[in-house]
Amino acid sequence: MAPYTPPEALRRAQHLYSSAHNGLEPTDADIVAFVQRPDQWAEQAIRLGWTYPAAEAVVRSCRILRKRVLLALEATSA
């Protein structure tokens, strides 16, 4: 499978954020914080009843998408 382009990665991260935060619409700052420090979100999610494998899957996705999301946000702000 080919890697995501930066715009695709941004859309995927927005969807992931929205799903992980009960439908909240993210701002660009929310997305940056989420993909750069997903472990902070995961700790809270596990305390709130998420299973470890589910939280770890979100963290793994954030780490995979991080570089391309930041490139996409940089391109849209320029």
N, C-alpha and C. Protein backbone atom coordinates (compact mmCIF):
# COMPACT_ATOMS: atom_id res chain seq x y z
N MET A 1 0.84 -1.18 0.00
CA MET A 1 0.00 0.00 0.00
C MET A 1 0.89 1.24 0.00
N ALA A 2 0.57 2.18 -0.84
CA ALA A 2 1.34 3.42 -0.92
C ALA A 2 1.05 4.29 0.30
N PRO A 3 2.06 5.06 0.74
CA PRO A 3 1.83 5.93 1.89
C PRO A 3 0.85 7.05 1.53
N TYR A 4 0.24 7.59 2.56
CA TYR A 4 -0.70 8.69 2.36
C TYR A 4 0.03 9.94 1.88
N THR A 5 -0.62 10.73 1.02
CA THR A 5 -0.10 12.04 0.69
C THR A 5 -0.38 12.94 1.89
N PRO A 6 0.31 14.09 2.01
CA PRO A 6 0.04 14.97 3.15
C PRO A 6 -1.44 15.37 3.30
N PRO A 7 -2.15 15.75 2.23
CA PRO A 7 -3.57 16.08 2.42
C PRO A 7 -4.41 14.88 2.87
N GLU A 8 -4.10 13.69 2.36
CA GLU A 8 -4.81 12.48 2.80
C GLU A 8 -4.53 12.19 4.27
N ALA A 9 -3.28 12.37 4.66
CA ALA A 9 -2.90 12.13 6.06
C ALA A 9 -3.62 13.11 6.98
N LEU A 10 -3.75 14.35 6.54
CA LEU A 10 -4.46 15.35 7.35
C LEU A 10 -5.93 14.97 7.51
N ARG A 11 -6.57 14.57 6.43
CA ARG A 11 -7.98 14.14 6.53
C ARG A 11 -8.12 12.92 7.44
N ARG A 12 -7.20 12.00 7.33
CA ARG A 12 -7.23 10.81 8.18
C ARG A 12 -7.04 11.18 9.66
N ALA A 13 -6.11 12.08 9.93
CA ALA A 13 -5.87 12.51 11.31
C ALA A 13 -7.08 13.26 11.86
N GLN A 14 -7.73 14.08 11.03
CA GLN A 14 -8.94 14.78 11.48
C GLN A 14 -10.03 13.78 11.83
N HIS A 15 -10.20 12.77 11.01
CA HIS A 15 -11.20 11.74 11.29
C HIS A 15 -10.84 10.95 12.55
N LEU A 16 -9.59 10.61 12.70
CA LEU A 16 -9.12 9.88 13.87
C LEU A 16 -9.35 10.71 15.14
N TYR A 17 -9.04 12.00 15.09
CA TYR A 17 -9.25 12.89 16.24
C TYR A 17 -10.73 12.95 16.59
N SER A 18 -11.55 13.15 15.57
CA SER A 18 -12.99 13.25 15.79
C SER A 18 -13.55 11.97 16.40
N SER A 19 -13.11 10.84 15.91
CA SER A 19 -13.57 9.55 16.44
C SER A 19 -13.10 9.34 17.88
N ALA A 20 -11.88 9.73 18.16
CA ALA A 20 -11.32 9.54 19.50
C ALA A 20 -11.87 10.52 20.52
N HIS A 21 -12.44 11.62 20.06
CA HIS A 21 -12.95 12.66 20.96
C HIS A 21 -14.47 12.82 20.84
N ASN A 22 -15.16 11.73 20.59
CA ASN A 22 -16.63 11.72 20.56
C ASN A 22 -17.24 12.74 19.61
N GLY A 23 -16.68 12.86 18.42
CA GLY A 23 -17.27 13.69 17.39
C GLY A 23 -16.87 15.15 17.39
N LEU A 24 -15.95 15.57 18.25
CA LEU A 24 -15.51 16.96 18.26
C LEU A 24 -14.78 17.29 16.96
N GLU A 25 -15.04 18.47 16.43
CA GLU A 25 -14.34 18.92 15.23
C GLU A 25 -13.01 19.56 15.64
N PRO A 26 -11.90 19.07 15.14
CA PRO A 26 -10.59 19.58 15.58
C PRO A 26 -10.18 20.86 14.86
N THR A 27 -9.44 21.70 15.57
CA THR A 27 -8.76 22.82 14.95
C THR A 27 -7.38 22.32 14.52
N ASP A 28 -6.66 23.14 13.77
CA ASP A 28 -5.31 22.74 13.37
C ASP A 28 -4.42 22.51 14.59
N ALA A 29 -4.57 23.36 15.62
CA ALA A 29 -3.77 23.21 16.84
C ALA A 29 -4.11 21.90 17.55
N ASP A 30 -5.38 21.52 17.54
CA ASP A 30 -5.78 20.24 18.14
C ASP A 30 -5.12 19.07 17.43
N ILE A 31 -5.10 19.13 16.11
CA ILE A 31 -4.50 18.06 15.31
C ILE A 31 -3.00 17.95 15.60
N VAL A 32 -2.32 19.10 15.64
CA VAL A 32 -0.88 19.09 15.90
C VAL A 32 -0.59 18.48 17.27
N ALA A 33 -1.31 18.91 18.29
CA ALA A 33 -1.10 18.37 19.64
C ALA A 33 -1.39 16.88 19.68
N PHE A 34 -2.44 16.46 18.99
CA PHE A 34 -2.85 15.06 18.99
C PHE A 34 -1.81 14.16 18.32
N VAL A 35 -1.30 14.56 17.17
CA VAL A 35 -0.34 13.69 16.47
C VAL A 35 1.06 13.76 17.09
N GLN A 36 1.38 14.86 17.77
CA GLN A 36 2.71 14.96 18.37
C GLN A 36 2.78 14.28 19.73
N ARG A 37 1.68 14.23 20.48
CA ARG A 37 1.68 13.62 21.81
C ARG A 37 0.47 12.71 22.00
N PRO A 38 0.32 11.67 21.17
CA PRO A 38 -0.85 10.81 21.32
C PRO A 38 -0.84 10.00 22.61
N ASP A 39 0.35 9.82 23.20
CA ASP A 39 0.44 9.05 24.44
C ASP A 39 -0.31 9.73 25.58
N GLN A 40 -0.35 11.06 25.60
CA GLN A 40 -1.11 11.77 26.63
C GLN A 40 -2.60 11.47 26.49
N TRP A 41 -3.09 11.50 25.25
CA TRP A 41 -4.49 11.16 25.03
C TRP A 41 -4.76 9.72 25.44
N ALA A 42 -3.84 8.81 25.09
CA ALA A 42 -4.04 7.38 25.36
C ALA A 42 -4.13 7.10 26.86
N GLU A 43 -3.31 7.78 27.66
CA GLU A 43 -3.37 7.58 29.11
C GLU A 43 -4.76 7.94 29.65
N GLN A 44 -5.30 9.06 29.18
CA GLN A 44 -6.64 9.46 29.61
C GLN A 44 -7.69 8.49 29.10
N ALA A 45 -7.56 8.07 27.87
CA ALA A 45 -8.54 7.17 27.27
C ALA A 45 -8.60 5.84 28.02
N ILE A 46 -7.45 5.32 28.40
CA ILE A 46 -7.41 4.06 29.13
C ILE A 46 -8.08 4.23 30.49
N ARG A 47 -7.82 5.37 31.16
CA ARG A 47 -8.49 5.63 32.44
C ARG A 47 -10.00 5.74 32.29
N LEU A 48 -10.45 6.18 31.12
CA LEU A 48 -11.88 6.34 30.88
C LEU A 48 -12.54 5.09 30.33
N GLY A 49 -11.80 3.99 30.23
CA GLY A 49 -12.41 2.73 29.84
C GLY A 49 -12.01 2.16 28.49
N TRP A 50 -11.17 2.86 27.74
CA TRP A 50 -10.70 2.29 26.48
C TRP A 50 -9.80 1.11 26.81
N THR A 51 -9.78 0.12 25.95
CA THR A 51 -8.85 -0.99 26.15
C THR A 51 -7.46 -0.54 25.69
N TYR A 52 -6.45 -1.18 26.25
CA TYR A 52 -5.08 -0.85 25.86
C TYR A 52 -4.85 -1.06 24.36
N PRO A 53 -5.27 -2.18 23.77
CA PRO A 53 -5.04 -2.37 22.33
C PRO A 53 -5.72 -1.29 21.47
N ALA A 54 -6.90 -0.84 21.86
CA ALA A 54 -7.59 0.20 21.08
C ALA A 54 -6.83 1.52 21.16
N ALA A 55 -6.42 1.89 22.37
CA ALA A 55 -5.66 3.13 22.54
C ALA A 55 -4.32 3.05 21.81
N GLU A 56 -3.67 1.91 21.88
CA GLU A 56 -2.38 1.74 21.21
C GLU A 56 -2.53 1.82 19.69
N ALA A 57 -3.63 1.35 19.15
CA ALA A 57 -3.87 1.46 17.70
C ALA A 57 -3.98 2.92 17.28
N VAL A 58 -4.63 3.74 18.10
CA VAL A 58 -4.74 5.17 17.79
C VAL A 58 -3.36 5.82 17.88
N VAL A 59 -2.60 5.49 18.91
CA VAL A 59 -1.25 6.05 19.07
C VAL A 59 -0.39 5.66 17.88
N ARG A 60 -0.44 4.42 17.46
CA ARG A 60 0.35 3.95 16.32
C ARG A 60 -0.04 4.70 15.05
N SER A 61 -1.33 4.90 14.84
CA SER A 61 -1.78 5.64 13.65
C SER A 61 -1.28 7.08 13.68
N CYS A 62 -1.33 7.71 14.85
CA CYS A 62 -0.83 9.09 14.97
C CYS A 62 0.65 9.17 14.63
N ARG A 63 1.40 8.22 15.11
CA ARG A 63 2.85 8.22 14.85
C ARG A 63 3.15 8.02 13.37
N ILE A 64 2.35 7.20 12.72
CA ILE A 64 2.54 6.97 11.28
C ILE A 64 2.18 8.22 10.48
N LEU A 65 1.13 8.92 10.88
CA LEU A 65 0.64 10.07 10.13
C LEU A 65 1.37 11.38 10.46
N ARG A 66 2.07 11.45 11.58
CA ARG A 66 2.61 12.71 12.11
C ARG A 66 3.35 13.56 11.08
N LYS A 67 4.35 13.01 10.42
CA LYS A 67 5.19 13.79 9.52
C LYS A 67 4.38 14.39 8.37
N ARG A 68 3.53 13.60 7.77
CA ARG A 68 2.75 14.08 6.63
C ARG A 68 1.67 15.08 7.05
N VAL A 69 1.11 14.89 8.23
CA VAL A 69 0.12 15.85 8.74
C VAL A 69 0.78 17.21 8.94
N LEU A 70 1.95 17.23 9.54
CA LEU A 70 2.65 18.49 9.76
C LEU A 70 3.02 19.16 8.44
N LEU A 71 3.40 18.36 7.44
CA LEU A 71 3.68 18.92 6.11
C LEU A 71 2.43 19.53 5.49
N ALA A 72 1.30 18.86 5.63
CA ALA A 72 0.04 19.36 5.06
C ALA A 72 -0.38 20.66 5.75
N LEU A 73 -0.25 20.72 7.06
CA LEU A 73 -0.63 21.94 7.78
C LEU A 73 0.31 23.09 7.45
N GLU A 74 1.58 22.77 7.26
CA GLU A 74 2.55 23.80 6.88
C GLU A 74 2.21 24.35 5.49
N ALA A 75 1.82 23.48 4.58
CA ALA A 75 1.48 23.90 3.22
C ALA A 75 0.21 24.75 3.19
N THR A 76 -0.77 24.42 4.03
CA THR A 76 -2.03 25.18 4.02
C THR A 76 -1.88 26.52 4.71
N SER A 77 -0.92 26.64 5.64
CA SER A 77 -0.74 27.92 6.33
C SER A 77 0.15 28.88 5.56
N ALA A 78 0.91 28.36 4.60
CA ALA A 78 1.84 29.21 3.83
C ALA A 78 1.14 29.95 2.72
